[in-house]
Amino acid sequence: MAYVVTEPCLDCKYTDCAAVCPVEAFHEGPDRLYINPDVCIDCDACVPECPVEAIFPEEEVPEEWADWIEKNRDECENFPTIAEKKSALKGPKCVNPDAGD
């Protein structure tokens, strides 16, 4: 089982989760993050760090975001690894633009 970044991350791209990942499983796309399921060790450290509650264990991803399991798997390798906290994107589709940095 791996963890999966889902739709609430879109246009927000908070990186608090990436900063606590012990194995550098996160990848930074232009408007979201991805988790590489082959690197993720299922430690759960990232989940409480996400201010938009976008990260779920693969078997608990809500049905409406099930396609994000494949998106993470297929897209993660197309983007660089991120292991530090950066300023959030907070774009127009961000579900919680008022969350702290």
C-alpha atoms as a PDB file:
ATOM      1  CA  MET A   1       0.000   0.000   0.000  1.00  0.00           C
ATOM      2  CA  ALA A   2       1.183   3.507  -0.766  1.00  0.00           C
ATOM      3  CA  TYR A   3      -0.216   6.895   0.048  1.00  0.00           C
ATOM      4  CA  VAL A   4      -1.852   8.964  -2.689  1.00  0.00           C
ATOM      5  CA  VAL A   5      -2.127  12.715  -3.201  1.00  0.00           C
ATOM      6  CA  THR A   6      -5.646  13.581  -4.394  1.00  0.00           C
ATOM      7  CA  GLU A   7      -7.568  16.488  -5.909  1.00  0.00           C
ATOM      8  CA  PRO A   8      -7.558  18.884  -2.916  1.00  0.00           C
ATOM      9  CA  CYS A   9      -3.827  19.404  -3.585  1.00  0.00           C
ATOM     10  CA  LEU A  10      -4.575  20.760  -7.059  1.00  0.00           C
ATOM     11  CA  ASP A  11      -3.634  24.422  -7.299  1.00  0.00           C
ATOM     12  CA  CYS A  12      -2.621  24.522  -3.600  1.00  0.00           C
ATOM     13  CA  LYS A  13       0.624  22.547  -3.589  1.00  0.00           C
ATOM     14  CA  TYR A  14       1.449  22.832   0.095  1.00  0.00           C
ATOM     15  CA  THR A  15       4.775  21.094   0.620  1.00  0.00           C
ATOM     16  CA  ASP A  16       4.681  20.503   4.376  1.00  0.00           C
ATOM     17  CA  CYS A  17       4.096  16.815   3.592  1.00  0.00           C
ATOM     18  CA  ALA A  18       7.184  16.533   1.398  1.00  0.00           C
ATOM     19  CA  ALA A  19       9.373  18.074   4.093  1.00  0.00           C
ATOM     20  CA  VAL A  20       8.566  15.271   6.567  1.00  0.00           C
ATOM     21  CA  CYS A  21       8.810  12.348   4.140  1.00  0.00           C
ATOM     22  CA  PRO A  22      11.749  10.176   5.257  1.00  0.00           C
ATOM     23  CA  VAL A  23      12.277   8.597   1.825  1.00  0.00           C
ATOM     24  CA  GLU A  24      11.702  11.482  -0.600  1.00  0.00           C
ATOM     25  CA  ALA A  25       8.637   9.903  -2.217  1.00  0.00           C
ATOM     26  CA  PHE A  26       7.096  13.245  -3.265  1.00  0.00           C
ATOM     27  CA  HIS A  27       7.414  14.776  -6.713  1.00  0.00           C
ATOM     28  CA  GLU A  28       6.536  18.377  -7.547  1.00  0.00           C
ATOM     29  CA  GLY A  29       4.393  19.072 -10.599  1.00  0.00           C
ATOM     30  CA  PRO A  30       3.523  22.580 -11.739  1.00  0.00           C
ATOM     31  CA  ASP A  31       0.221  22.706  -9.815  1.00  0.00           C
ATOM     32  CA  ARG A  32       0.227  19.684  -7.476  1.00  0.00           C
ATOM     33  CA  LEU A  33       2.333  17.055  -5.747  1.00  0.00           C
ATOM     34  CA  TYR A  34       2.527  13.341  -6.449  1.00  0.00           C
ATOM     35  CA  ILE A  35       3.671  10.391  -4.347  1.00  0.00           C
ATOM     36  CA  ASN A  36       5.778   7.698  -5.983  1.00  0.00           C
ATOM     37  CA  PRO A  37       4.177   4.423  -4.811  1.00  0.00           C
ATOM     38  CA  ASP A  38       7.426   2.522  -5.426  1.00  0.00           C
ATOM     39  CA  VAL A  39       9.275   4.753  -2.955  1.00  0.00           C
ATOM     40  CA  CYS A  40       6.553   5.373  -0.336  1.00  0.00           C
ATOM     41  CA  ILE A  41       7.092   3.296   2.823  1.00  0.00           C
ATOM     42  CA  ASP A  42       3.576   3.839   4.215  1.00  0.00           C
ATOM     43  CA  CYS A  43       4.838   5.666   7.292  1.00  0.00           C
ATOM     44  CA  ASP A  44       1.859   8.068   7.517  1.00  0.00           C
ATOM     45  CA  ALA A  45       4.095  11.052   8.397  1.00  0.00           C
ATOM     46  CA  CYS A  46       2.725  13.146   5.536  1.00  0.00           C
ATOM     47  CA  VAL A  47      -0.988  12.807   6.285  1.00  0.00           C
ATOM     48  CA  PRO A  48      -1.265  15.108   9.328  1.00  0.00           C
ATOM     49  CA  GLU A  49       0.955  17.709   7.623  1.00  0.00           C
ATOM     50  CA  CYS A  50      -1.424  18.303   4.695  1.00  0.00           C
ATOM     51  CA  PRO A  51      -3.589  21.380   5.416  1.00  0.00           C
ATOM     52  CA  VAL A  52      -6.079  20.447   2.671  1.00  0.00           C
ATOM     53  CA  GLU A  53      -6.440  16.767   3.669  1.00  0.00           C
ATOM     54  CA  ALA A  54      -5.441  15.550   0.221  1.00  0.00           C
ATOM     55  CA  ILE A  55      -3.412  12.452   1.200  1.00  0.00           C
ATOM     56  CA  PHE A  56      -4.964   9.015   1.715  1.00  0.00           C
ATOM     57  CA  PRO A  57      -3.794   5.418   1.929  1.00  0.00           C
ATOM     58  CA  GLU A  58      -4.379   3.870  -1.503  1.00  0.00           C
ATOM     59  CA  GLU A  59      -7.200   1.619  -0.288  1.00  0.00           C
ATOM     60  CA  GLU A  60      -8.976   4.558   1.392  1.00  0.00           C
ATOM     61  CA  VAL A  61      -8.968   7.060  -1.470  1.00  0.00           C
ATOM     62  CA  PRO A  62     -12.532   8.395  -1.808  1.00  0.00           C
ATOM     63  CA  GLU A  63     -14.341   7.015  -4.860  1.00  0.00           C
ATOM     64  CA  GLU A  64     -14.580  10.434  -6.511  1.00  0.00           C
ATOM     65  CA  TRP A  65     -10.759  10.640  -6.539  1.00  0.00           C
ATOM     66  CA  ALA A  66      -9.959   7.017  -7.406  1.00  0.00           C
ATOM     67  CA  ASP A  67      -8.318   8.095 -10.673  1.00  0.00           C
ATOM     68  CA  TRP A  68      -5.661   9.892  -8.611  1.00  0.00           C
ATOM     69  CA  ILE A  69      -4.142   6.526  -7.677  1.00  0.00           C
ATOM     70  CA  GLU A  70      -3.148   6.047 -11.304  1.00  0.00           C
ATOM     71  CA  LYS A  71      -2.220   9.735 -11.736  1.00  0.00           C
ATOM     72  CA  ASN A  72       0.293   9.490  -8.897  1.00  0.00           C
ATOM     73  CA  ARG A  73       1.750   6.266 -10.266  1.00  0.00           C
ATOM     74  CA  ASP A  74       1.969   7.476 -13.864  1.00  0.00           C
ATOM     75  CA  GLU A  75       2.969  11.103 -13.371  1.00  0.00           C
ATOM     76  CA  CYS A  76       5.367  11.102 -10.416  1.00  0.00           C
ATOM     77  CA  GLU A  77       8.429  10.152 -12.472  1.00  0.00           C
ATOM     78  CA  ASN A  78       7.806  13.045 -14.882  1.00  0.00           C
ATOM     79  CA  PHE A  79       8.609  15.611 -12.185  1.00  0.00           C
ATOM     80  CA  PRO A  80      11.500  16.278  -9.803  1.00  0.00           C
ATOM     81  CA  THR A  81      11.615  14.940  -6.276  1.00  0.00           C
ATOM     82  CA  ILE A  82      10.845  17.470  -3.561  1.00  0.00           C
ATOM     83  CA  ALA A  83      11.981  17.074   0.041  1.00  0.00           C
ATOM     84  CA  GLU A  84      11.735  20.590   1.435  1.00  0.00           C
ATOM     85  CA  LYS A  85       9.001  23.011   2.352  1.00  0.00           C
ATOM     86  CA  LYS A  86       8.348  25.792  -0.159  1.00  0.00           C
ATOM     87  CA  SER A  87       5.756  28.534  -0.363  1.00  0.00           C
ATOM     88  CA  ALA A  88       2.372  27.130  -1.354  1.00  0.00           C
ATOM     89  CA  LEU A  89       0.961  27.790  -4.813  1.00  0.00           C
ATOM     90  CA  LYS A  90      -2.474  28.914  -3.561  1.00  0.00           C
ATOM     91  CA  GLY A  91      -3.881  29.206  -7.081  1.00  0.00           C
ATOM     92  CA  PRO A  92      -7.497  29.906  -8.056  1.00  0.00           C
ATOM     93  CA  LYS A  93      -8.671  26.285  -7.549  1.00  0.00           C
ATOM     94  CA  CYS A  94      -7.017  25.887  -4.138  1.00  0.00           C
ATOM     95  CA  VAL A  95      -9.547  24.522  -1.624  1.00  0.00           C
ATOM     96  CA  ASN A  96      -7.881  26.186   1.388  1.00  0.00           C
ATOM     97  CA  PRO A  97      -5.877  29.252   0.347  1.00  0.00           C
ATOM     98  CA  ASP A  98      -5.986  30.580   3.914  1.00  0.00           C
ATOM     99  CA  ALA A  99      -3.933  27.709   5.368  1.00  0.00           C
ATOM    100  CA  GLY A 100      -0.622  28.852   6.806  1.00  0.00           C
ATOM    101  CA  ASP A 101       2.728  28.452   5.110  1.00  0.00           C
END
